[in-house]
Amino acid sequence: MKTQTSTLFTEIQQTLSSLPTVSEERKQVLQPLVNYIQEKLNNKELINLNFICTHNSRRSHLSQVWAQTMAFYYQIPNVNTYSGGTEATVMNATVVTTLVDNGFQIQQLSDGTNPIYAVKYADNTSPIIGFSKKYDDDFNPTSAFGAIMTCSQADEGCPFIAGAEKRVPVTYEDPKLYDGTPLEKEKYLERSLQIAAEMHYVFSTVKA
């Protein structure tokens, strides 16, 4: 195992100490993703994961960020995470504030209707670049990647993902349901922590 020259930000480590338990039912849902990562790792291949949701606005971004963070935390090499949608919209502002509350450092790199963000989880590491895009955007891999479907609408409405060598449905309830309600902040945090817990489980299960 490689020696890390950096550790997760203290605030993120504190977030990890309060993650919810992953149920046996969800572990079964996650097992194909574990298997895909393990196979790529055993073959010493790049592990490209593209998290796909309809609007690439909420769940796919949370999944991309937490997966990359957990790969770093567990020192799983050659992992690159991406996200995309069946259409491009915007990386949701409450997702951004939720990640900041979870301990990430986020810098907005551009203005406009679809801002670009740099999301950092540790010093001396490259930031995750977050913005809304289609799953087949030039920013994303075109072949040899796993397509992780984070919402049932995208999973059902997009039966073929060009270039994907593995398709894994790992769907989450949309926190958008609570936009503009008193529960908005709580539900976004709940979803972020669920995704964090499940990515924590996935990368802790893989054997480097």
Protein backbone atom coordinates (compact mmCIF):
# COMPACT_ATOMS: atom_id res chain seq x y z
CA MET A 1 0.00 0.00 0.00
CA LYS A 2 1.28 3.45 -0.87
CA THR A 3 2.17 5.94 1.81
CA GLN A 4 -0.12 8.96 1.72
CA THR A 5 1.54 12.37 1.69
CA SER A 6 -1.74 13.99 2.72
CA THR A 7 -4.76 13.19 4.84
CA LEU A 8 -8.40 14.14 4.59
CA PHE A 9 -9.33 17.52 5.98
CA THR A 10 -10.10 17.29 9.70
CA GLU A 11 -13.71 18.35 9.17
CA ILE A 12 -14.27 15.51 6.68
CA GLN A 13 -12.74 13.02 9.10
CA GLN A 14 -15.21 14.27 11.70
CA THR A 15 -18.03 13.68 9.21
CA LEU A 16 -16.82 10.10 8.70
CA SER A 17 -17.13 9.45 12.43
CA SER A 18 -20.91 9.96 12.25
CA LEU A 19 -21.85 8.01 9.12
CA PRO A 20 -25.01 5.89 9.20
CA THR A 21 -24.87 2.11 9.05
CA VAL A 22 -25.17 0.47 5.63
CA SER A 23 -27.94 -2.14 5.65
CA GLU A 24 -27.44 -5.69 4.39
CA GLU A 25 -29.96 -4.94 1.63
CA ARG A 26 -27.91 -1.95 0.42
CA LYS A 27 -24.69 -3.98 0.64
CA GLN A 28 -26.23 -6.38 -1.88
CA VAL A 29 -27.02 -3.43 -4.15
CA LEU A 30 -23.42 -2.20 -3.84
CA GLN A 31 -21.75 -5.59 -4.37
CA PRO A 32 -21.61 -5.36 -8.21
CA LEU A 33 -19.76 -2.04 -7.82
CA VAL A 34 -17.33 -3.62 -5.35
CA ASN A 35 -16.78 -6.49 -7.79
CA TYR A 36 -16.16 -4.14 -10.72
CA ILE A 37 -13.60 -2.08 -8.80
CA GLN A 38 -11.90 -5.21 -7.46
CA GLU A 39 -11.60 -6.74 -10.92
CA LYS A 40 -10.08 -3.58 -12.37
CA LEU A 41 -7.73 -3.36 -9.41
CA ASN A 42 -6.62 -6.98 -9.77
CA ASN A 43 -5.86 -6.36 -13.43
CA LYS A 44 -3.95 -3.16 -12.59
CA GLU A 45 -6.26 -1.13 -14.83
CA LEU A 46 -7.58 2.38 -14.49
CA ILE A 47 -10.82 2.51 -12.52
CA ASN A 48 -13.04 5.09 -14.20
CA LEU A 49 -16.44 5.55 -12.56
CA ASN A 50 -19.10 7.78 -14.14
CA PHE A 51 -22.02 8.49 -11.79
CA ILE A 52 -25.09 9.22 -13.90
CA CYS A 53 -28.38 10.87 -12.99
CA THR A 54 -30.98 12.64 -15.11
CA HIS A 55 -29.94 16.27 -14.51
CA ASN A 56 -26.42 15.80 -13.09
CA SER A 57 -27.41 18.22 -10.36
CA ARG A 58 -27.51 16.47 -6.98
CA ARG A 59 -27.07 12.72 -6.39
CA SER A 60 -24.51 12.13 -9.13
CA HIS A 61 -22.30 14.97 -7.83
CA LEU A 62 -22.50 13.76 -4.25
CA SER A 63 -21.61 10.25 -5.42
CA GLN A 64 -18.68 11.42 -7.55
CA VAL A 65 -17.22 13.50 -4.73
CA TRP A 66 -17.60 10.88 -2.01
CA ALA A 67 -16.32 8.03 -4.20
CA GLN A 68 -13.14 9.93 -5.07
CA THR A 69 -12.71 10.89 -1.41
CA MET A 70 -13.09 7.31 -0.19
CA ALA A 71 -10.73 5.95 -2.84
CA PHE A 72 -8.13 8.38 -1.51
CA TYR A 73 -8.94 7.55 2.11
CA TYR A 74 -8.48 3.82 1.54
CA GLN A 75 -5.53 4.33 -0.83
CA ILE A 76 -7.17 2.50 -3.72
CA PRO A 77 -5.00 3.49 -6.71
CA ASN A 78 -5.95 4.60 -10.22
CA VAL A 79 -9.50 5.69 -9.36
CA ASN A 80 -11.00 8.56 -11.36
CA THR A 81 -14.58 9.59 -10.70
CA TYR A 82 -16.87 11.54 -13.01
CA SER A 83 -20.52 12.47 -13.21
CA GLY A 84 -23.02 13.25 -15.93
CA GLY A 85 -26.68 13.37 -16.81
CA THR A 86 -29.02 12.61 -19.64
CA GLU A 87 -29.11 16.40 -19.87
CA ALA A 88 -27.03 19.24 -18.40
CA THR A 89 -28.53 21.68 -15.88
CA VAL A 90 -26.50 23.02 -12.94
CA MET A 91 -24.67 21.66 -9.90
CA ASN A 92 -27.26 22.42 -7.23
CA ALA A 93 -26.34 25.20 -4.78
CA THR A 94 -27.58 23.23 -1.76
CA VAL A 95 -25.31 20.33 -2.77
CA VAL A 96 -22.41 22.77 -2.71
CA THR A 97 -23.28 24.10 0.76
CA THR A 98 -23.89 20.55 2.03
CA LEU A 99 -20.42 19.47 0.92
CA VAL A 100 -18.93 22.52 2.62
CA ASP A 101 -20.82 21.56 5.79
CA ASN A 102 -19.33 18.06 5.44
CA GLY A 103 -15.82 19.55 5.48
CA PHE A 104 -14.92 19.99 1.81
CA GLN A 105 -13.22 23.15 0.57
CA ILE A 106 -14.96 24.47 -2.53
CA GLN A 107 -13.88 27.25 -4.86
CA GLN A 108 -16.19 28.55 -7.59
CA LEU A 109 -14.13 28.83 -10.77
CA SER A 110 -16.71 30.37 -13.10
CA ASP A 111 -19.98 32.26 -13.08
CA GLY A 112 -23.02 31.90 -15.31
CA THR A 113 -25.95 29.53 -15.36
CA ASN A 114 -23.77 26.43 -14.94
CA PRO A 115 -20.84 27.37 -12.65
CA ILE A 116 -17.71 25.23 -12.39
CA TYR A 117 -16.48 24.30 -8.92
CA ALA A 118 -13.22 22.90 -7.58
CA VAL A 119 -13.87 20.54 -4.67
CA LYS A 120 -10.94 19.66 -2.40
CA TYR A 121 -10.89 16.93 0.25
CA ALA A 122 -7.20 17.05 1.22
CA ASP A 123 -4.11 19.17 0.82
CA ASN A 124 -1.64 18.30 -1.95
CA THR A 125 -4.29 16.58 -4.05
CA SER A 126 -5.95 17.62 -7.26
CA PRO A 127 -9.47 18.99 -6.74
CA ILE A 128 -12.57 17.31 -8.12
CA ILE A 129 -14.04 19.48 -10.87
CA GLY A 130 -17.79 19.79 -10.51
CA PHE A 131 -20.25 21.14 -13.06
CA SER A 132 -23.36 19.81 -14.76
CA LYS A 133 -22.82 17.99 -18.05
CA LYS A 134 -24.18 15.14 -20.15
CA TYR A 135 -22.70 11.73 -19.34
CA ASP A 136 -20.97 11.64 -22.73
CA ASP A 137 -19.45 15.12 -22.39
CA ASP A 138 -15.85 15.44 -23.60
CA PHE A 139 -14.82 15.93 -19.96
CA ASN A 140 -15.84 12.34 -19.19
CA PRO A 141 -14.31 9.02 -20.33
CA THR A 142 -15.53 7.61 -23.64
CA SER A 143 -14.71 3.95 -23.02
CA ALA A 144 -13.65 1.42 -20.38
CA PHE A 145 -15.67 2.93 -17.54
CA GLY A 146 -18.32 1.83 -15.09
CA ALA A 147 -21.67 3.61 -15.40
CA ILE A 148 -23.17 3.99 -11.93
CA MET A 149 -26.85 4.91 -12.26
CA THR A 150 -27.79 7.01 -9.23
CA CYS A 151 -31.45 7.59 -10.07
CA SER A 152 -34.12 5.20 -11.32
CA GLN A 153 -35.29 7.65 -13.99
CA ALA A 154 -31.90 7.66 -15.70
CA ASP A 155 -31.50 3.92 -15.19
CA GLU A 156 -34.85 3.18 -16.86
CA GLY A 157 -34.80 5.97 -19.44
CA CYS A 158 -31.25 5.45 -20.67
CA PRO A 159 -30.89 1.71 -21.32
CA PHE A 160 -27.63 2.05 -23.29
CA ILE A 161 -24.56 3.99 -22.16
CA ALA A 162 -22.03 4.15 -25.00
CA GLY A 163 -18.54 3.11 -23.91
CA ALA A 164 -19.56 1.65 -20.56
CA GLU A 165 -18.12 -1.78 -19.87
CA LYS A 166 -20.25 -2.21 -16.74
CA ARG A 167 -23.56 -0.71 -15.68
CA VAL A 168 -24.48 -0.71 -11.99
CA PRO A 169 -27.74 0.75 -10.62
CA VAL A 170 -27.15 2.32 -7.19
CA THR A 171 -30.16 4.59 -6.87
CA TYR A 172 -30.96 7.19 -4.22
CA GLU A 173 -34.04 9.20 -3.26
CA ASP A 174 -33.87 12.71 -4.72
CA PRO A 175 -33.39 15.44 -2.07
CA LYS A 176 -34.95 17.83 -4.59
CA LEU A 177 -38.29 16.63 -3.19
CA TYR A 178 -37.61 18.86 -0.18
CA ASP A 179 -36.45 22.00 -2.00
CA GLY A 180 -38.03 25.12 -0.52
CA THR A 181 -39.27 23.29 2.59
CA PRO A 182 -38.10 23.50 6.22
CA LEU A 183 -36.54 20.03 5.74
CA GLU A 184 -34.34 20.99 2.76
CA LYS A 185 -31.00 21.28 4.58
CA GLU A 186 -31.67 18.22 6.71
CA LYS A 187 -32.61 16.01 3.75
CA TYR A 188 -29.63 17.07 1.62
CA LEU A 189 -27.34 16.29 4.56
CA GLU A 190 -29.09 12.95 5.06
CA ARG A 191 -28.57 12.02 1.42
CA SER A 192 -24.93 13.12 1.46
CA LEU A 193 -24.21 11.04 4.55
CA GLN A 194 -25.96 8.00 3.10
CA ILE A 195 -23.87 8.23 -0.06
CA ALA A 196 -20.72 8.83 2.00
CA ALA A 197 -21.46 5.75 4.10
CA GLU A 198 -22.04 3.58 1.05
CA MET A 199 -18.90 4.76 -0.77
CA HIS A 200 -17.03 4.22 2.51
CA TYR A 201 -18.33 0.65 2.55
CA VAL A 202 -17.44 0.04 -1.10
CA PHE A 203 -13.84 1.19 -0.87
CA SER A 204 -13.25 -0.36 2.55
CA THR A 205 -14.38 -3.71 1.12
CA VAL A 206 -12.06 -3.61 -1.89
CA LYS A 207 -8.69 -5.26 -1.30
CA ALA A 208 -5.76 -3.21 -2.56
